[in-house]
Amino acid sequence: VSTQSTGETEDLGYKMRIVSIKQLNYHSELSRLTSMDTETPSDSAMRHSPSCASEDNQVSMRRMMEWQDELFRKWTECHEELIKNLVKHHDSMYKMIHSELRNSNGKRPLPDEEDVDVDTYHDQELVKWLRGHGFLEDDMKKVLREKFFLDDLLKMVTYDDLRDLDLKAGPRVRLWKCIEQSRQKMSNGVS
């Protein structure tokens, strides 16, 4: 969810371009004024003395300094606004991605909620194993939705993997206990 509209982004970009153009104009004018200065040290001393200094030059320089200060202030405000908007945008993107990766229980999102047909599932041995251990059809569907094979479940699945299945705690613990018992039987050579 973006906290900034496209219009606001364009407006900020426009302001930044205006500030950049004003900076270029300022630097051009400053270069023009300083390039006319080919005075000797004595000329410089005379120009800086209060009695000989041109009032027009002083006014021009004061205006230029005020303009420079105003330009810098506006540029700083635009820059700060841009940074704030980028931080807000970054935060909102982080929150959006985080919420997409996790559901309300702190688990990864469930796969598509396709209705798994238990009777036509590709590994009927897994279905038979789950039924044989007394799991309800709704809990079986949550396991089957992950497209496990019985061999995957008995040899590779961890308890953390089971947390991602959206099973209630009771069926999840019972499933883990059944997996551990089956693994124990397999390690003892019993099938």
N, C-alpha and C. Protein backbone atom coordinates (compact mmCIF):
# COMPACT_ATOMS: atom_id res chain seq x y z
N VAL A 1 0.86 -1.18 0.00
CA VAL A 1 0.00 0.00 0.00
C VAL A 1 0.90 1.23 0.00
N SER A 2 0.79 2.02 -1.05
CA SER A 2 1.64 3.19 -1.15
C SER A 2 1.02 4.34 -0.39
N THR A 3 1.84 5.05 0.36
CA THR A 3 1.35 6.20 1.12
C THR A 3 1.48 7.48 0.32
N GLN A 4 1.89 7.35 -0.93
CA GLN A 4 2.16 8.54 -1.72
C GLN A 4 1.52 8.35 -3.08
N SER A 5 0.72 9.32 -3.52
CA SER A 5 0.08 9.20 -4.82
C SER A 5 1.07 9.56 -5.92
N THR A 6 0.73 9.15 -7.13
CA THR A 6 1.59 9.45 -8.28
C THR A 6 1.68 10.95 -8.47
N GLY A 7 0.58 11.66 -8.24
CA GLY A 7 0.58 13.12 -8.38
C GLY A 7 1.57 13.77 -7.43
N GLU A 8 1.63 13.26 -6.18
CA GLU A 8 2.57 13.82 -5.20
C GLU A 8 4.01 13.57 -5.63
N THR A 9 4.27 12.38 -6.18
CA THR A 9 5.62 12.04 -6.65
C THR A 9 6.02 12.95 -7.80
N GLU A 10 5.08 13.15 -8.76
CA GLU A 10 5.37 14.02 -9.90
C GLU A 10 5.59 15.46 -9.43
N ASP A 11 4.77 15.92 -8.48
CA ASP A 11 4.89 17.28 -7.96
C ASP A 11 6.24 17.47 -7.28
N LEU A 12 6.67 16.50 -6.51
CA LEU A 12 7.97 16.57 -5.85
C LEU A 12 9.09 16.58 -6.88
N GLY A 13 8.96 15.75 -7.91
CA GLY A 13 9.97 15.72 -8.97
C GLY A 13 10.04 17.06 -9.69
N TYR A 14 8.87 17.67 -9.93
CA TYR A 14 8.82 18.97 -10.57
C TYR A 14 9.53 20.02 -9.72
N LYS A 15 9.25 20.01 -8.41
CA LYS A 15 9.89 20.96 -7.50
C LYS A 15 11.40 20.80 -7.51
N MET A 16 11.86 19.55 -7.53
CA MET A 16 13.31 19.30 -7.53
C MET A 16 13.94 19.83 -8.82
N ARG A 17 13.25 19.65 -9.97
CA ARG A 17 13.79 20.16 -11.23
C ARG A 17 13.86 21.69 -11.21
N ILE A 18 12.85 22.37 -10.65
CA ILE A 18 12.84 23.83 -10.56
C ILE A 18 14.02 24.30 -9.71
N VAL A 19 14.23 23.64 -8.58
CA VAL A 19 15.34 24.02 -7.70
C VAL A 19 16.66 23.84 -8.44
N SER A 20 16.80 22.74 -9.20
CA SER A 20 18.04 22.51 -9.95
C SER A 20 18.26 23.59 -11.00
N ILE A 21 17.19 23.99 -11.68
CA ILE A 21 17.30 25.05 -12.70
C ILE A 21 17.71 26.36 -12.04
N LYS A 22 17.11 26.67 -10.89
CA LYS A 22 17.47 27.90 -10.19
C LYS A 22 18.92 27.87 -9.73
N GLN A 23 19.39 26.69 -9.31
CA GLN A 23 20.79 26.58 -8.92
C GLN A 23 21.70 26.86 -10.11
N LEU A 24 21.36 26.31 -11.27
CA LEU A 24 22.16 26.55 -12.47
C LEU A 24 22.17 28.04 -12.81
N ASN A 25 20.99 28.68 -12.75
CA ASN A 25 20.91 30.11 -13.04
C ASN A 25 21.77 30.91 -12.06
N TYR A 26 21.72 30.55 -10.79
CA TYR A 26 22.51 31.23 -9.78
C TYR A 26 24.00 31.11 -10.09
N HIS A 27 24.43 29.87 -10.38
CA HIS A 27 25.86 29.66 -10.66
C HIS A 27 26.29 30.39 -11.93
N SER A 28 25.42 30.45 -12.94
CA SER A 28 25.75 31.19 -14.17
C SER A 28 25.92 32.67 -13.87
N GLU A 29 24.98 33.22 -13.10
CA GLU A 29 25.05 34.64 -12.76
C GLU A 29 26.28 34.94 -11.91
N LEU A 30 26.57 34.08 -10.96
CA LEU A 30 27.73 34.27 -10.11
C LEU A 30 29.02 34.21 -10.94
N SER A 31 29.09 33.27 -11.88
CA SER A 31 30.26 33.17 -12.75
C SER A 31 30.42 34.43 -13.60
N ARG A 32 29.30 34.92 -14.12
CA ARG A 32 29.36 36.14 -14.94
C ARG A 32 29.89 37.31 -14.12
N LEU A 33 29.39 37.47 -12.90
CA LEU A 33 29.83 38.58 -12.07
C LEU A 33 31.29 38.45 -11.68
N THR A 34 31.73 37.25 -11.34
CA THR A 34 33.12 37.09 -10.91
C THR A 34 34.08 37.14 -12.08
N SER A 35 33.63 36.77 -13.27
CA SER A 35 34.53 36.83 -14.43
C SER A 35 34.84 38.28 -14.81
N MET A 36 33.97 39.21 -14.43
CA MET A 36 34.22 40.62 -14.73
C MET A 36 35.24 41.20 -13.76
N ASP A 37 35.54 40.45 -12.70
CA ASP A 37 36.49 40.92 -11.69
C ASP A 37 37.92 40.60 -12.14
N THR A 38 38.58 41.53 -12.75
CA THR A 38 39.99 41.36 -13.11
C THR A 38 40.77 42.50 -12.48
N GLU A 39 40.50 42.72 -11.23
CA GLU A 39 41.09 43.87 -10.55
C GLU A 39 42.38 43.50 -9.84
N THR A 40 43.15 44.50 -9.61
CA THR A 40 44.41 44.35 -8.88
C THR A 40 44.10 44.37 -7.39
N PRO A 41 45.05 43.98 -6.54
CA PRO A 41 44.80 44.04 -5.10
C PRO A 41 44.42 45.45 -4.62
N SER A 42 45.00 46.48 -5.22
CA SER A 42 44.64 47.84 -4.79
C SER A 42 43.21 48.17 -5.21
N ASP A 43 42.82 47.70 -6.42
CA ASP A 43 41.43 47.91 -6.86
C ASP A 43 40.46 47.22 -5.89
N SER A 44 40.84 46.03 -5.49
CA SER A 44 40.00 45.28 -4.57
C SER A 44 39.86 46.00 -3.25
N ALA A 45 40.95 46.53 -2.74
CA ALA A 45 40.92 47.26 -1.47
C ALA A 45 40.03 48.48 -1.58
N MET A 46 40.13 49.16 -2.72
CA MET A 46 39.30 50.35 -2.92
C MET A 46 37.81 49.96 -3.00
N ARG A 47 37.55 48.86 -3.71
CA ARG A 47 36.16 48.44 -3.87
C ARG A 47 35.55 48.06 -2.53
N HIS A 48 36.35 47.47 -1.65
CA HIS A 48 35.83 47.05 -0.36
C HIS A 48 35.81 48.18 0.66
N SER A 49 36.41 49.27 0.38
CA SER A 49 36.35 50.37 1.35
C SER A 49 34.95 50.97 1.30
N PRO A 50 34.41 51.31 2.44
CA PRO A 50 33.02 51.81 2.50
C PRO A 50 32.80 53.06 1.66
N SER A 51 33.80 53.89 1.53
CA SER A 51 33.58 55.14 0.80
C SER A 51 33.57 54.93 -0.71
N CYS A 52 34.23 53.89 -1.23
CA CYS A 52 34.35 53.71 -2.68
C CYS A 52 33.49 52.57 -3.21
N ALA A 53 32.94 51.75 -2.36
CA ALA A 53 32.19 50.59 -2.83
C ALA A 53 30.92 51.04 -3.53
N SER A 54 30.65 50.37 -4.61
CA SER A 54 29.46 50.69 -5.38
C SER A 54 28.23 50.18 -4.64
N GLU A 55 27.32 51.10 -4.41
CA GLU A 55 26.10 50.70 -3.69
C GLU A 55 25.31 49.69 -4.50
N ASP A 56 25.32 49.81 -5.82
CA ASP A 56 24.61 48.86 -6.68
C ASP A 56 25.19 47.46 -6.55
N ASN A 57 26.53 47.37 -6.52
CA ASN A 57 27.17 46.06 -6.35
C ASN A 57 26.82 45.45 -5.00
N GLN A 58 26.81 46.28 -3.98
CA GLN A 58 26.46 45.76 -2.65
C GLN A 58 25.02 45.25 -2.62
N VAL A 59 24.11 46.02 -3.22
CA VAL A 59 22.71 45.60 -3.28
C VAL A 59 22.58 44.30 -4.08
N SER A 60 23.27 44.25 -5.23
CA SER A 60 23.22 43.05 -6.07
C SER A 60 23.76 41.84 -5.32
N MET A 61 24.87 42.02 -4.65
CA MET A 61 25.46 40.91 -3.91
C MET A 61 24.55 40.47 -2.76
N ARG A 62 23.95 41.43 -2.08
CA ARG A 62 23.04 41.10 -0.97
C ARG A 62 21.83 40.33 -1.52
N ARG A 63 21.28 40.79 -2.65
CA ARG A 63 20.16 40.07 -3.26
C ARG A 63 20.57 38.66 -3.68
N MET A 64 21.76 38.58 -4.25
CA MET A 64 22.26 37.28 -4.69
C MET A 64 22.41 36.34 -3.50
N MET A 65 22.94 36.86 -2.40
CA MET A 65 23.11 36.04 -1.20
C MET A 65 21.75 35.62 -0.64
N GLU A 66 20.79 36.56 -0.62
CA GLU A 66 19.45 36.22 -0.15
C GLU A 66 18.81 35.17 -1.05
N TRP A 67 18.99 35.34 -2.36
CA TRP A 67 18.45 34.39 -3.32
C TRP A 67 19.10 33.02 -3.13
N GLN A 68 20.40 33.03 -2.90
CA GLN A 68 21.12 31.79 -2.66
C GLN A 68 20.60 31.10 -1.39
N ASP A 69 20.42 31.87 -0.34
CA ASP A 69 19.90 31.32 0.91
C ASP A 69 18.50 30.74 0.72
N GLU A 70 17.65 31.46 0.01
CA GLU A 70 16.29 31.00 -0.25
C GLU A 70 16.31 29.73 -1.11
N LEU A 71 17.14 29.74 -2.12
CA LEU A 71 17.27 28.57 -2.99
C LEU A 71 17.76 27.36 -2.20
N PHE A 72 18.73 27.56 -1.37
CA PHE A 72 19.25 26.46 -0.55
C PHE A 72 18.18 25.96 0.42
N ARG A 73 17.44 26.90 1.03
CA ARG A 73 16.37 26.50 1.94
C ARG A 73 15.31 25.66 1.23
N LYS A 74 14.90 26.11 0.03
CA LYS A 74 13.89 25.36 -0.73
C LYS A 74 14.43 23.99 -1.16
N TRP A 75 15.67 23.97 -1.59
CA TRP A 75 16.28 22.70 -1.99
C TRP A 75 16.33 21.75 -0.80
N THR A 76 16.70 22.25 0.36
CA THR A 76 16.77 21.43 1.57
C THR A 76 15.39 20.90 1.94
N GLU A 77 14.38 21.76 1.85
CA GLU A 77 13.01 21.31 2.17
C GLU A 77 12.57 20.21 1.20
N CYS A 78 12.83 20.41 -0.09
CA CYS A 78 12.45 19.40 -1.09
C CYS A 78 13.22 18.10 -0.84
N HIS A 79 14.48 18.23 -0.54
CA HIS A 79 15.31 17.05 -0.28
C HIS A 79 14.79 16.30 0.95
N GLU A 80 14.49 17.03 2.02
CA GLU A 80 13.96 16.40 3.23
C GLU A 80 12.62 15.72 2.96
N GLU A 81 11.76 16.39 2.18
CA GLU A 81 10.45 15.81 1.84
C GLU A 81 10.64 14.54 1.02
N LEU A 82 11.57 14.58 0.09
CA LEU A 82 11.85 13.41 -0.74
C LEU A 82 12.34 12.25 0.12
N ILE A 83 13.25 12.52 1.04
CA ILE A 83 13.78 11.47 1.91
C ILE A 83 12.66 10.90 2.79
N LYS A 84 11.83 11.77 3.35
CA LYS A 84 10.72 11.29 4.19
C LYS A 84 9.79 10.39 3.38
N ASN A 85 9.47 10.81 2.15
CA ASN A 85 8.58 10.01 1.31
C ASN A 85 9.22 8.68 0.93
N LEU A 86 10.52 8.70 0.67
CA LEU A 86 11.20 7.44 0.36
C LEU A 86 11.18 6.49 1.55
N VAL A 87 11.39 7.03 2.74
CA VAL A 87 11.36 6.19 3.94
C VAL A 87 9.95 5.63 4.15
N LYS A 88 8.92 6.47 3.99
CA LYS A 88 7.54 6.00 4.12
C LYS A 88 7.25 4.91 3.10
N HIS A 89 7.68 5.14 1.86
CA HIS A 89 7.44 4.18 0.79
C HIS A 89 8.16 2.87 1.11
N HIS A 90 9.41 2.97 1.58
CA HIS A 90 10.18 1.78 1.94
C HIS A 90 9.48 1.01 3.05
N ASP A 91 9.01 1.73 4.08
CA ASP A 91 8.31 1.08 5.19
C ASP A 91 7.04 0.39 4.72
N SER A 92 6.28 1.07 3.87
CA SER A 92 5.02 0.47 3.40
C SER A 92 5.30 -0.74 2.52
N MET A 93 6.35 -0.68 1.70
CA MET A 93 6.71 -1.83 0.87
C MET A 93 7.15 -3.00 1.75
N TYR A 94 7.94 -2.71 2.78
CA TYR A 94 8.39 -3.76 3.70
C TYR A 94 7.18 -4.42 4.37
N LYS A 95 6.25 -3.60 4.85
CA LYS A 95 5.07 -4.15 5.52
C LYS A 95 4.23 -4.98 4.56
N MET A 96 4.09 -4.51 3.32
CA MET A 96 3.29 -5.23 2.35
C MET A 96 3.94 -6.58 2.03
N ILE A 97 5.24 -6.58 1.79
CA ILE A 97 5.94 -7.83 1.49
C ILE A 97 5.88 -8.76 2.68
N HIS A 98 6.11 -8.21 3.86
CA HIS A 98 6.06 -9.03 5.07
C HIS A 98 4.69 -9.66 5.25
N SER A 99 3.64 -8.90 5.03
CA SER A 99 2.29 -9.44 5.20
C SER A 99 1.96 -10.47 4.13
N GLU A 100 2.54 -10.32 2.94
CA GLU A 100 2.32 -11.31 1.90
C GLU A 100 3.04 -12.61 2.21
N LEU A 101 4.18 -12.51 2.88
CA LEU A 101 4.95 -13.70 3.20
C LEU A 101 4.44 -14.42 4.44
N ARG A 102 3.73 -13.71 5.26
CA ARG A 102 3.24 -14.33 6.50
C ARG A 102 1.73 -14.11 6.63
N ASN A 103 1.04 -15.12 7.10
CA ASN A 103 -0.37 -14.90 7.38
C ASN A 103 -0.51 -14.42 8.82
N SER A 104 -1.71 -14.30 9.29
CA SER A 104 -1.93 -13.69 10.61
C SER A 104 -1.32 -14.49 11.75
N ASN A 105 -1.01 -15.77 11.55
CA ASN A 105 -0.42 -16.59 12.60
C ASN A 105 1.10 -16.57 12.55
N GLY A 106 1.67 -15.75 11.71
CA GLY A 106 3.13 -15.70 11.60
C GLY A 106 3.67 -16.82 10.74
N LYS A 107 2.82 -17.47 9.96
CA LYS A 107 3.24 -18.56 9.09
C LYS A 107 3.25 -18.08 7.66
N ARG A 108 3.92 -18.84 6.82
CA ARG A 108 3.91 -18.46 5.41
C ARG A 108 2.50 -18.61 4.87
N PRO A 109 2.17 -17.92 3.78
CA PRO A 109 0.82 -18.02 3.25
C PRO A 109 0.53 -19.44 2.77
N LEU A 110 -0.70 -19.80 2.84
CA LEU A 110 -1.09 -21.12 2.37
C LEU A 110 -1.06 -21.15 0.86
N PRO A 111 -0.79 -22.33 0.28
CA PRO A 111 -0.88 -22.42 -1.17
C PRO A 111 -2.32 -22.19 -1.60
N ASP A 112 -2.52 -22.12 -2.89
CA ASP A 112 -3.88 -21.90 -3.38
C ASP A 112 -4.84 -22.84 -2.67
N GLU A 113 -5.96 -22.31 -2.32
CA GLU A 113 -6.95 -23.08 -1.57
C GLU A 113 -7.70 -24.04 -2.48
N GLU A 114 -6.97 -24.74 -3.32
CA GLU A 114 -7.63 -25.71 -4.18
C GLU A 114 -8.17 -26.84 -3.31
N ASP A 115 -9.30 -27.37 -3.71
CA ASP A 115 -9.90 -28.45 -2.94
C ASP A 115 -9.23 -29.74 -3.37
N VAL A 116 -8.52 -30.36 -2.44
CA VAL A 116 -7.82 -31.60 -2.72
C VAL A 116 -8.80 -32.75 -2.57
N ASP A 117 -8.88 -33.58 -3.60
CA ASP A 117 -9.74 -34.76 -3.53
C ASP A 117 -8.91 -35.89 -2.95
N VAL A 118 -9.24 -36.28 -1.75
CA VAL A 118 -8.48 -37.29 -1.03
C VAL A 118 -8.46 -38.61 -1.80
N ASP A 119 -9.58 -38.96 -2.42
CA ASP A 119 -9.67 -40.26 -3.09
C ASP A 119 -8.90 -40.33 -4.40
N THR A 120 -8.57 -39.17 -5.01
CA THR A 120 -7.81 -39.19 -6.27
C THR A 120 -6.41 -38.61 -6.11
N TYR A 121 -5.97 -38.43 -4.87
CA TYR A 121 -4.65 -37.86 -4.62
C TYR A 121 -3.58 -38.75 -5.22
N HIS A 122 -2.48 -38.14 -5.72
CA HIS A 122 -1.46 -38.87 -6.46
C HIS A 122 -0.69 -39.90 -5.65
N ASP A 123 -0.70 -39.82 -4.34
CA ASP A 123 -0.01 -40.81 -3.50
C ASP A 123 -1.02 -41.42 -2.53
N GLN A 124 -1.68 -42.46 -2.97
CA GLN A 124 -2.70 -43.10 -2.14
C GLN A 124 -2.10 -43.79 -0.92
N GLU A 125 -0.80 -44.10 -0.97
CA GLU A 125 -0.14 -44.67 0.22
C GLU A 125 -0.14 -43.66 1.36
N LEU A 126 0.10 -42.39 1.03
CA LEU A 126 0.06 -41.34 2.05
C LEU A 126 -1.35 -41.20 2.62
N VAL A 127 -2.35 -41.22 1.73
CA VAL A 127 -3.74 -41.12 2.17
C VAL A 127 -4.06 -42.29 3.11
N LYS A 128 -3.66 -43.49 2.72
CA LYS A 128 -3.90 -44.69 3.55
C LYS A 128 -3.19 -44.56 4.90
N TRP A 129 -1.96 -44.05 4.90
CA TRP A 129 -1.18 -43.88 6.13
C TRP A 129 -1.88 -42.89 7.06
N LEU A 130 -2.33 -41.75 6.51
CA LEU A 130 -3.01 -40.73 7.32
C LEU A 130 -4.33 -41.29 7.88
N ARG A 131 -5.10 -41.97 7.04
CA ARG A 131 -6.36 -42.57 7.52
C ARG A 131 -6.08 -43.61 8.60
N GLY A 132 -5.03 -44.39 8.38
CA GLY A 132 -4.68 -45.44 9.33
C GLY A 132 -4.31 -44.88 10.70
N HIS A 133 -3.86 -43.63 10.72
CA HIS A 133 -3.52 -43.00 12.00
C HIS A 133 -4.65 -42.12 12.53
N GLY A 134 -5.82 -42.21 11.92
CA GLY A 134 -7.02 -41.57 12.45
C GLY A 134 -7.17 -40.08 12.18
N PHE A 135 -6.52 -39.57 11.14
CA PHE A 135 -6.65 -38.13 10.85
C PHE A 135 -7.95 -37.85 10.11
N LEU A 136 -8.59 -36.75 10.47
CA LEU A 136 -9.83 -36.33 9.81
C LEU A 136 -9.52 -35.85 8.40
N GLU A 137 -10.54 -35.87 7.56
CA GLU A 137 -10.35 -35.51 6.16
C GLU A 137 -9.86 -34.06 6.00
N ASP A 138 -10.37 -33.13 6.81
CA ASP A 138 -9.92 -31.73 6.71
C ASP A 138 -8.42 -31.61 7.01
N ASP A 139 -7.96 -32.34 8.02
CA ASP A 139 -6.53 -32.30 8.35
C ASP A 139 -5.71 -33.00 7.27
N MET A 140 -6.26 -34.08 6.72
CA MET A 140 -5.57 -34.78 5.64
C MET A 140 -5.40 -33.84 4.43
N LYS A 141 -6.44 -33.08 4.12
CA LYS A 141 -6.38 -32.17 2.97
C LYS A 141 -5.28 -31.12 3.15
N LYS A 142 -5.08 -30.67 4.39
CA LYS A 142 -4.03 -29.67 4.65
C LYS A 142 -2.66 -30.26 4.40
N VAL A 143 -2.48 -31.53 4.69
CA VAL A 143 -1.21 -32.21 4.41
C VAL A 143 -1.08 -32.45 2.91
N LEU A 144 -2.14 -32.95 2.29
CA LEU A 144 -2.11 -33.28 0.86
C LEU A 144 -1.96 -32.05 -0.02
N ARG A 145 -2.47 -30.90 0.44
CA ARG A 145 -2.36 -29.67 -0.33
C ARG A 145 -0.91 -29.32 -0.61
N GLU A 146 0.00 -29.77 0.25
CA GLU A 146 1.43 -29.50 0.08
C GLU A 146 2.10 -30.47 -0.90
N LYS A 147 1.31 -31.43 -1.42
CA LYS A 147 1.77 -32.37 -2.45
C LYS A 147 2.92 -33.26 -1.98
N PHE A 148 2.85 -33.68 -0.72
CA PHE A 148 3.84 -34.61 -0.18
C PHE A 148 3.61 -36.01 -0.73
N PHE A 149 4.67 -36.79 -0.71
CA PHE A 149 4.60 -38.23 -0.85
C PHE A 149 4.83 -38.80 0.54
N LEU A 150 4.40 -40.03 0.76
CA LEU A 150 4.59 -40.65 2.07
C LEU A 150 6.07 -40.68 2.43
N ASP A 151 6.91 -41.00 1.46
CA ASP A 151 8.35 -41.05 1.70
C ASP A 151 8.89 -39.69 2.16
N ASP A 152 8.41 -38.58 1.55
CA ASP A 152 8.81 -37.23 1.97
C ASP A 152 8.46 -37.00 3.44
N LEU A 153 7.22 -37.36 3.76
CA LEU A 153 6.72 -37.12 5.10
C LEU A 153 7.53 -37.90 6.14
N LEU A 154 7.81 -39.16 5.84
CA LEU A 154 8.46 -40.01 6.83
C LEU A 154 9.97 -39.80 6.92
N LYS A 155 10.59 -39.27 5.88
CA LYS A 155 12.05 -39.15 5.89
C LYS A 155 12.58 -37.73 6.01
N MET A 156 11.86 -36.75 5.51
CA MET A 156 12.44 -35.41 5.41
C MET A 156 11.71 -34.30 6.17
N VAL A 157 10.44 -34.45 6.42
CA VAL A 157 9.66 -33.37 7.02
C VAL A 157 10.11 -33.12 8.46
N THR A 158 10.21 -31.85 8.82
CA THR A 158 10.56 -31.46 10.19
C THR A 158 9.31 -30.95 10.90
N TYR A 159 9.43 -30.79 12.20
CA TYR A 159 8.30 -30.24 12.95
C TYR A 159 7.98 -28.82 12.48
N ASP A 160 9.01 -28.05 12.14
CA ASP A 160 8.78 -26.69 11.63
C ASP A 160 7.99 -26.73 10.33
N ASP A 161 8.25 -27.73 9.49
CA ASP A 161 7.47 -27.87 8.26
C ASP A 161 5.99 -28.07 8.58
N LEU A 162 5.73 -28.83 9.62
CA LEU A 162 4.34 -29.10 10.01
C LEU A 162 3.64 -27.84 10.51
N ARG A 163 4.40 -26.93 11.09
CA ARG A 163 3.80 -25.67 11.56
C ARG A 163 3.22 -24.87 10.41
N ASP A 164 3.80 -25.03 9.23
CA ASP A 164 3.34 -24.28 8.06
C ASP A 164 2.08 -24.87 7.42
N LEU A 165 1.61 -26.00 7.91
CA LEU A 165 0.47 -26.68 7.28
C LEU A 165 -0.89 -26.13 7.70
N ASP A 166 -0.91 -25.20 8.64
CA ASP A 166 -2.16 -24.63 9.14
C ASP A 166 -3.00 -25.66 9.87
N LEU A 167 -2.33 -26.65 10.47
CA LEU A 167 -3.02 -27.62 11.31
C LEU A 167 -3.17 -27.05 12.72
N LYS A 168 -4.24 -27.39 13.36
CA LYS A 168 -4.39 -27.04 14.78
C LYS A 168 -3.30 -27.78 15.54
N ALA A 169 -3.01 -27.31 16.75
CA ALA A 169 -1.90 -27.87 17.52
C ALA A 169 -2.07 -29.36 17.79
N GLY A 170 -3.28 -29.81 18.11
CA GLY A 170 -3.51 -31.22 18.40
C GLY A 170 -3.15 -32.13 17.24
N PRO A 171 -3.77 -31.93 16.06
CA PRO A 171 -3.43 -32.78 14.92
C PRO A 171 -1.95 -32.65 14.52
N ARG A 172 -1.39 -31.47 14.65
CA ARG A 172 0.02 -31.28 14.29
C ARG A 172 0.93 -32.12 15.20
N VAL A 173 0.67 -32.09 16.51
CA VAL A 173 1.48 -32.86 17.46
C VAL A 173 1.29 -34.36 17.21
N ARG A 174 0.04 -34.79 16.96
CA ARG A 174 -0.21 -36.21 16.69
C ARG A 174 0.49 -36.65 15.41
N LEU A 175 0.45 -35.81 14.38
CA LEU A 175 1.12 -36.14 13.13
C LEU A 175 2.62 -36.27 13.35
N TRP A 176 3.19 -35.35 14.11
CA TRP A 176 4.63 -35.41 14.38
C TRP A 176 4.98 -36.68 15.16
N LYS A 177 4.13 -37.04 16.12
CA LYS A 177 4.37 -38.26 16.91
C LYS A 177 4.30 -39.50 16.00
N CYS A 178 3.34 -39.52 15.08
CA CYS A 178 3.22 -40.65 14.13
C CYS A 178 4.45 -40.72 13.23
N ILE A 179 4.94 -39.55 12.78
CA ILE A 179 6.13 -39.52 11.93
C ILE A 179 7.33 -40.05 12.71
N GLU A 180 7.50 -39.59 13.94
CA GLU A 180 8.63 -40.05 14.75
C GLU A 180 8.56 -41.56 15.01
N GLN A 181 7.36 -42.06 15.29
CA GLN A 181 7.21 -43.50 15.52
C GLN A 181 7.55 -44.28 14.25
N SER A 182 7.10 -43.77 13.10
CA SER A 182 7.41 -44.45 11.83
C SER A 182 8.91 -44.41 11.56
N ARG A 183 9.55 -43.31 11.86
CA ARG A 183 11.00 -43.19 11.65
C ARG A 183 11.73 -44.17 12.56
N GLN A 184 11.25 -44.30 13.79
CA GLN A 184 11.86 -45.23 14.74
C GLN A 184 11.73 -46.66 14.24
N LYS A 185 10.55 -47.02 13.75
CA LYS A 185 10.33 -48.36 13.21
C LYS A 185 11.25 -48.61 12.02
N MET A 186 11.38 -47.58 11.13
CA MET A 186 12.25 -47.74 9.95
C MET A 186 13.71 -47.92 10.36
N SER A 187 14.14 -47.21 11.39
CA SER A 187 15.54 -47.34 11.83
C SER A 187 15.80 -48.68 12.52
N ASN A 188 14.74 -49.29 13.08
CA ASN A 188 14.86 -50.61 13.69
C ASN A 188 14.65 -51.74 12.68
N GLY A 189 14.36 -51.38 11.44
CA GLY A 189 14.17 -52.38 10.40
C GLY A 189 12.76 -52.93 10.33
N VAL A 190 11.83 -52.36 11.05
CA VAL A 190 10.43 -52.80 11.02
C VAL A 190 9.69 -51.92 10.04
N SER A 191 8.84 -52.53 9.18
CA SER A 191 8.10 -51.70 8.22
C SER A 191 6.68 -51.50 8.59
